[in-house]
PDB file of all heavy atoms in Angstrom:
ATOM      1  N   VAL A   1      57.793  -6.575  14.997  1.00  0.00           N
ATOM      2  CA  VAL A   1      57.768  -5.178  15.375  1.00  0.00           C
ATOM      3  C   VAL A   1      56.597  -4.851  16.234  1.00  0.00           C
ATOM      4  O   VAL A   1      56.568  -4.041  17.186  1.00  0.00           O
ATOM      5  CB  VAL A   1      57.726  -4.190  14.099  1.00  0.00           C
ATOM      6  CG1 VAL A   1      57.537  -2.880  14.383  1.00  0.00           C
ATOM      7  CG2 VAL A   1      58.937  -4.470  13.257  1.00  0.00           C
ATOM      8  N   ARG A   2      55.396  -5.575  16.013  1.00  0.00           N
ATOM      9  CA  ARG A   2      54.314  -5.456  16.950  1.00  0.00           C
ATOM     10  C   ARG A   2      54.720  -5.817  18.404  1.00  0.00           C
ATOM     11  O   ARG A   2      54.203  -5.222  19.407  1.00  0.00           O
ATOM     12  CB  ARG A   2      52.942  -6.153  16.373  1.00  0.00           C
ATOM     13  CG  ARG A   2      52.451  -5.479  15.076  1.00  0.00           C
ATOM     14  CD  ARG A   2      51.328  -6.381  14.609  1.00  0.00           C
ATOM     15  NE  ARG A   2      50.753  -5.720  13.411  1.00  0.00           N
ATOM     16  CZ  ARG A   2      49.964  -6.305  12.513  1.00  0.00           C
ATOM     17  NH1 ARG A   2      49.599  -7.565  12.761  1.00  0.00           N
ATOM     18  NH2 ARG A   2      49.565  -5.663  11.383  1.00  0.00           N
ATOM     19  N   VAL A   3      55.362  -6.917  18.422  1.00  0.00           N
ATOM     20  CA  VAL A   3      55.920  -7.355  19.639  1.00  0.00           C
ATOM     21  C   VAL A   3      56.790  -6.342  20.339  1.00  0.00           C
ATOM     22  O   VAL A   3      56.621  -5.999  21.586  1.00  0.00           O
ATOM     23  CB  VAL A   3      56.612  -8.802  19.566  1.00  0.00           C
ATOM     24  CG1 VAL A   3      57.169  -9.153  20.928  1.00  0.00           C
ATOM     25  CG2 VAL A   3      55.598  -9.838  19.110  1.00  0.00           C
ATOM     26  N   LYS A   4      57.683  -5.794  19.536  1.00  0.00           N
ATOM     27  CA  LYS A   4      58.584  -4.690  20.014  1.00  0.00           C
ATOM     28  C   LYS A   4      57.797  -3.516  20.504  1.00  0.00           C
ATOM     29  O   LYS A   4      58.132  -2.785  21.462  1.00  0.00           O
ATOM     30  CB  LYS A   4      59.533  -4.293  19.040  1.00  0.00           C
ATOM     31  CG  LYS A   4      60.681  -5.304  18.647  1.00  0.00           C
ATOM     32  CD  LYS A   4      61.560  -4.885  17.647  1.00  0.00           C
ATOM     33  CE  LYS A   4      62.646  -5.843  17.330  1.00  0.00           C
ATOM     34  NZ  LYS A   4      63.667  -5.998  18.241  1.00  0.00           N
ATOM     35  N   ILE A   5      56.734  -3.240  19.807  1.00  0.00           N
ATOM     36  CA  ILE A   5      55.899  -2.015  20.156  1.00  0.00           C
ATOM     37  C   ILE A   5      55.330  -2.180  21.587  1.00  0.00           C
ATOM     38  O   ILE A   5      55.359  -1.132  22.350  1.00  0.00           O
ATOM     39  CB  ILE A   5      54.801  -1.833  19.263  1.00  0.00           C
ATOM     40  CG1 ILE A   5      55.347  -1.236  17.864  1.00  0.00           C
ATOM     41  CG2 ILE A   5      53.729  -0.854  19.666  1.00  0.00           C
ATOM     42  CD1 ILE A   5      54.316  -1.160  16.651  1.00  0.00           C
ATOM     43  N   THR A   6      54.931  -3.415  21.936  1.00  0.00           N
ATOM     44  CA  THR A   6      54.425  -3.611  23.377  1.00  0.00           C
ATOM     45  C   THR A   6      55.638  -3.322  24.329  1.00  0.00           C
ATOM     46  O   THR A   6      55.353  -2.848  25.453  1.00  0.00           O
ATOM     47  CB  THR A   6      54.030  -4.982  23.446  1.00  0.00           C
ATOM     48  OG1 THR A   6      55.044  -5.937  23.360  1.00  0.00           O
ATOM     49  CG2 THR A   6      52.791  -5.363  22.524  1.00  0.00           C
ATOM     50  N   ARG A   7      56.888  -3.573  23.933  1.00  0.00           N
ATOM     51  CA  ARG A   7      58.119  -3.131  24.831  1.00  0.00           C
ATOM     52  C   ARG A   7      58.284  -1.638  24.902  1.00  0.00           C
ATOM     53  O   ARG A   7      58.381  -1.060  26.025  1.00  0.00           O
ATOM     54  CB  ARG A   7      59.289  -3.858  24.276  1.00  0.00           C
ATOM     55  CG  ARG A   7      60.554  -3.437  25.024  1.00  0.00           C
ATOM     56  CD  ARG A   7      60.627  -4.047  26.540  1.00  0.00           C
ATOM     57  NE  ARG A   7      61.673  -3.481  27.253  1.00  0.00           N
ATOM     58  CZ  ARG A   7      62.156  -3.964  28.426  1.00  0.00           C
ATOM     59  NH1 ARG A   7      61.542  -5.022  28.961  1.00  0.00           N
ATOM     60  NH2 ARG A   7      63.065  -3.395  29.042  1.00  0.00           N
ATOM     61  N   TRP A   8      58.106  -1.016  23.716  1.00  0.00           N
ATOM     62  CA  TRP A   8      58.200   0.462  23.803  1.00  0.00           C
ATOM     63  C   TRP A   8      57.042   1.055  24.465  1.00  0.00           C
ATOM     64  O   TRP A   8      57.319   2.226  25.070  1.00  0.00           O
ATOM     65  CB  TRP A   8      58.115   0.910  22.263  1.00  0.00           C
ATOM     66  CG  TRP A   8      59.270   0.435  21.410  1.00  0.00           C
ATOM     67  CD1 TRP A   8      60.580  -0.164  21.773  1.00  0.00           C
ATOM     68  CD2 TRP A   8      59.363   0.185  19.953  1.00  0.00           C
ATOM     69  NE1 TRP A   8      61.305  -0.596  20.757  1.00  0.00           N
ATOM     70  CE2 TRP A   8      60.529  -0.405  19.637  1.00  0.00           C
ATOM     71  CE3 TRP A   8      58.394   0.489  18.961  1.00  0.00           C
ATOM     72  CZ2 TRP A   8      60.926  -0.669  18.263  1.00  0.00           C
ATOM     73  CZ3 TRP A   8      58.827   0.238  17.710  1.00  0.00           C
ATOM     74  CH2 TRP A   8      60.011  -0.406  17.314  1.00  0.00           C
ATOM     75  N   ALA A   9      55.917   0.524  24.496  1.00  0.00           N
ATOM     76  CA  ALA A   9      54.801   1.084  25.217  1.00  0.00           C
ATOM     77  C   ALA A   9      55.092   1.083  26.749  1.00  0.00           C
ATOM     78  O   ALA A   9      54.956   2.046  27.380  1.00  0.00           O
ATOM     79  CB  ALA A   9      53.604   0.251  24.957  1.00  0.00           C
ATOM     80  N   PHE A  10      55.748  -0.043  27.195  1.00  0.00           N
ATOM     81  CA  PHE A  10      56.196  -0.162  28.523  1.00  0.00           C
ATOM     82  C   PHE A  10      57.227   0.977  28.874  1.00  0.00           C
ATOM     83  O   PHE A  10      57.148   1.654  29.913  1.00  0.00           O
ATOM     84  CB  PHE A  10      56.680  -1.587  28.964  1.00  0.00           C
ATOM     85  CG  PHE A  10      57.756  -1.569  30.021  1.00  0.00           C
ATOM     86  CD1 PHE A  10      57.382  -1.403  31.257  1.00  0.00           C
ATOM     87  CD2 PHE A  10      59.002  -1.751  29.777  1.00  0.00           C
ATOM     88  CE1 PHE A  10      58.296  -1.222  32.374  1.00  0.00           C
ATOM     89  CE2 PHE A  10      60.118  -1.686  30.744  1.00  0.00           C
ATOM     90  CZ  PHE A  10      59.612  -1.429  32.096  1.00  0.00           C
ATOM     91  N   GLU A  11      58.193   1.003  27.997  1.00  0.00           N
ATOM     92  CA  GLU A  11      59.245   1.924  28.272  1.00  0.00           C
ATOM     93  C   GLU A  11      58.737   3.476  28.393  1.00  0.00           C
ATOM     94  O   GLU A  11      59.102   4.232  29.270  1.00  0.00           O
ATOM     95  CB  GLU A  11      60.263   1.944  27.163  1.00  0.00           C
ATOM     96  CG  GLU A  11      61.022   0.511  27.275  1.00  0.00           C
ATOM     97  CD  GLU A  11      61.990   0.362  26.029  1.00  0.00           C
ATOM     98  OE1 GLU A  11      62.075   1.227  25.121  1.00  0.00           O
ATOM     99  OE2 GLU A  11      62.783  -0.685  26.004  1.00  0.00           O
ATOM    100  N   SER A  12      57.988   3.709  27.422  1.00  0.00           N
ATOM    101  CA  SER A  12      57.337   5.245  27.398  1.00  0.00           C
ATOM    102  C   SER A  12      56.501   5.345  28.671  1.00  0.00           C
ATOM    103  O   SER A  12      56.636   6.551  29.309  1.00  0.00           O
ATOM    104  CB  SER A  12      56.382   5.390  26.231  1.00  0.00           C
ATOM    105  OG  SER A  12      57.167   5.379  24.972  1.00  0.00           O
ATOM    106  N   LEU A  13      55.715   4.367  29.161  1.00  0.00           N
ATOM    107  CA  LEU A  13      54.788   4.575  30.178  1.00  0.00           C
ATOM    108  C   LEU A  13      55.580   4.665  31.495  1.00  0.00           C
ATOM    109  O   LEU A  13      55.358   5.493  32.402  1.00  0.00           O
ATOM    110  CB  LEU A  13      53.730   3.506  30.211  1.00  0.00           C
ATOM    111  CG  LEU A  13      52.624   3.708  31.113  1.00  0.00           C
ATOM    112  CD1 LEU A  13      51.937   5.030  30.841  1.00  0.00           C
ATOM    113  CD2 LEU A  13      51.566   2.608  30.992  1.00  0.00           C
ATOM    114  N   SER A  14      56.613   3.800  31.575  1.00  0.00           N
ATOM    115  CA  SER A  14      57.413   3.836  32.823  1.00  0.00           C
ATOM    116  C   SER A  14      58.215   5.044  33.104  1.00  0.00           C
ATOM    117  O   SER A  14      58.363   5.703  34.097  1.00  0.00           O
ATOM    118  CB  SER A  14      58.503   2.595  32.833  1.00  0.00           C
ATOM    119  OG  SER A  14      59.280   2.743  31.780  1.00  0.00           O
ATOM    120  N   ASP A  15      58.616   5.757  31.860  1.00  0.00           N
ATOM    121  CA  ASP A  15      59.209   7.158  31.889  1.00  0.00           C
ATOM    122  C   ASP A  15      58.235   8.095  32.401  1.00  0.00           C
ATOM    123  O   ASP A  15      58.538   8.979  33.297  1.00  0.00           O
ATOM    124  CB  ASP A  15      59.666   7.574  30.423  1.00  0.00           C
ATOM    125  CG  ASP A  15      60.956   6.781  30.128  1.00  0.00           C
ATOM    126  OD1 ASP A  15      61.381   5.968  30.707  1.00  0.00           O
ATOM    127  OD2 ASP A  15      61.399   7.118  28.786  1.00  0.00           O
ATOM    128  N   GLY A  16      56.930   8.099  31.814  1.00  0.00           N
ATOM    129  CA  GLY A  16      55.960   9.057  32.142  1.00  0.00           C
ATOM    130  C   GLY A  16      55.567   8.839  33.638  1.00  0.00           C
ATOM    131  O   GLY A  16      55.395   9.829  34.369  1.00  0.00           O
ATOM    132  N   ALA A  17      55.297   7.611  34.065  1.00  0.00           N
ATOM    133  CA  ALA A  17      54.982   7.265  35.429  1.00  0.00           C
ATOM    134  C   ALA A  17      56.118   7.809  36.497  1.00  0.00           C
ATOM    135  O   ALA A  17      55.671   8.390  37.595  1.00  0.00           O
ATOM    136  CB  ALA A  17      54.703   5.942  35.624  1.00  0.00           C
ATOM    137  N   THR A  18      57.347   7.643  36.130  1.00  0.00           N
ATOM    138  CA  THR A  18      58.450   8.050  37.011  1.00  0.00           C
ATOM    139  C   THR A  18      58.351   9.609  37.161  1.00  0.00           C
ATOM    140  O   THR A  18      58.525  10.052  38.268  1.00  0.00           O
ATOM    141  CB  THR A  18      59.891   7.509  36.389  1.00  0.00           C
ATOM    142  OG1 THR A  18      59.845   6.055  36.290  1.00  0.00           O
ATOM    143  CG2 THR A  18      60.879   8.077  37.262  1.00  0.00           C
ATOM    144  N   THR A  19      58.329  10.193  35.951  1.00  0.00           N
ATOM    145  CA  THR A  19      58.203  11.735  36.149  1.00  0.00           C
ATOM    146  C   THR A  19      57.072  12.234  36.897  1.00  0.00           C
ATOM    147  O   THR A  19      57.188  12.984  37.764  1.00  0.00           O
ATOM    148  CB  THR A  19      58.183  12.290  34.668  1.00  0.00           C
ATOM    149  OG1 THR A  19      59.541  11.902  34.056  1.00  0.00           O
ATOM    150  CG2 THR A  19      58.080  13.731  34.772  1.00  0.00           C
ATOM    151  N   ALA A  20      55.867  11.647  36.628  1.00  0.00           N
ATOM    152  CA  ALA A  20      54.604  12.121  37.315  1.00  0.00           C
ATOM    153  C   ALA A  20      54.682  11.835  38.820  1.00  0.00           C
ATOM    154  O   ALA A  20      54.254  12.770  39.639  1.00  0.00           O
ATOM    155  CB  ALA A  20      53.468  11.518  36.639  1.00  0.00           C
ATOM    156  N   VAL A  21      55.083  10.658  39.163  1.00  0.00           N
ATOM    157  CA  VAL A  21      55.021  10.309  40.629  1.00  0.00           C
ATOM    158  C   VAL A  21      56.141  11.111  41.307  1.00  0.00           C
ATOM    159  O   VAL A  21      55.893  11.677  42.383  1.00  0.00           O
ATOM    160  CB  VAL A  21      55.478   8.739  40.781  1.00  0.00           C
ATOM    161  CG1 VAL A  21      55.878   8.478  42.179  1.00  0.00           C
ATOM    162  CG2 VAL A  21      54.299   7.910  40.357  1.00  0.00           C
ATOM    163  N   ARG A  22      57.338  11.205  40.790  1.00  0.00           N
ATOM    164  CA  ARG A  22      58.371  12.000  41.565  1.00  0.00           C
ATOM    165  C   ARG A  22      58.013  13.517  41.635  1.00  0.00           C
ATOM    166  O   ARG A  22      58.033  14.068  42.790  1.00  0.00           O
ATOM    167  CB  ARG A  22      59.727  11.812  40.860  1.00  0.00           C
ATOM    168  CG  ARG A  22      60.464  10.601  41.060  1.00  0.00           C
ATOM    169  CD  ARG A  22      61.778  10.476  40.291  1.00  0.00           C
ATOM    170  NE  ARG A  22      62.470   9.249  40.501  1.00  0.00           N
ATOM    171  CZ  ARG A  22      63.464   8.761  39.861  1.00  0.00           C
ATOM    172  NH1 ARG A  22      63.903   9.514  38.757  1.00  0.00           N
ATOM    173  NH2 ARG A  22      64.081   7.542  39.979  1.00  0.00           N
ATOM    174  N   TYR A  23      57.503  14.070  40.639  1.00  0.00           N
ATOM    175  CA  TYR A  23      57.066  15.418  40.605  1.00  0.00           C
ATOM    176  C   TYR A  23      55.846  15.636  41.599  1.00  0.00           C
ATOM    177  O   TYR A  23      55.817  16.674  42.308  1.00  0.00           O
ATOM    178  CB  TYR A  23      56.614  15.949  39.208  1.00  0.00           C
ATOM    179  CG  TYR A  23      56.165  17.345  39.283  1.00  0.00           C
ATOM    180  CD1 TYR A  23      57.017  18.408  39.501  1.00  0.00           C
ATOM    181  CD2 TYR A  23      54.889  17.566  38.904  1.00  0.00           C
ATOM    182  CE1 TYR A  23      56.547  19.721  39.517  1.00  0.00           C
ATOM    183  CE2 TYR A  23      54.386  18.941  38.963  1.00  0.00           C
ATOM    184  CZ  TYR A  23      55.328  20.037  39.289  1.00  0.00           C
ATOM    185  OH  TYR A  23      54.913  21.305  39.255  1.00  0.00           O
ATOM    186  N   SER A  24      54.960  14.621  41.678  1.00  0.00           N
ATOM    187  CA  SER A  24      53.751  14.687  42.437  1.00  0.00           C
ATOM    188  C   SER A  24      54.034  14.632  43.966  1.00  0.00           C
ATOM    189  O   SER A  24      53.266  15.006  44.917  1.00  0.00           O
ATOM    190  CB  SER A  24      52.737  13.610  42.109  1.00  0.00           C
ATOM    191  OG  SER A  24      52.261  13.776  40.862  1.00  0.00           O
ATOM    192  N   VAL A  25      55.203  14.107  44.332  1.00  0.00           N
ATOM    193  CA  VAL A  25      55.748  14.125  45.705  1.00  0.00           C
ATOM    194  C   VAL A  25      56.432  15.350  45.998  1.00  0.00           C
ATOM    195  O   VAL A  25      56.410  15.945  47.116  1.00  0.00           O
ATOM    196  CB  VAL A  25      56.722  12.887  45.983  1.00  0.00           C
ATOM    197  CG1 VAL A  25      57.500  12.994  47.188  1.00  0.00           C
ATOM    198  CG2 VAL A  25      55.766  11.576  45.667  1.00  0.00           C
TER     199      VAL A  25
END
């Protein structure tokens, strides 16, 4: 589960980065 959490961290951050980058443009 700790290994999976590192995957979930990527997924959440990629979601946030996508939203922030597109909106900032």
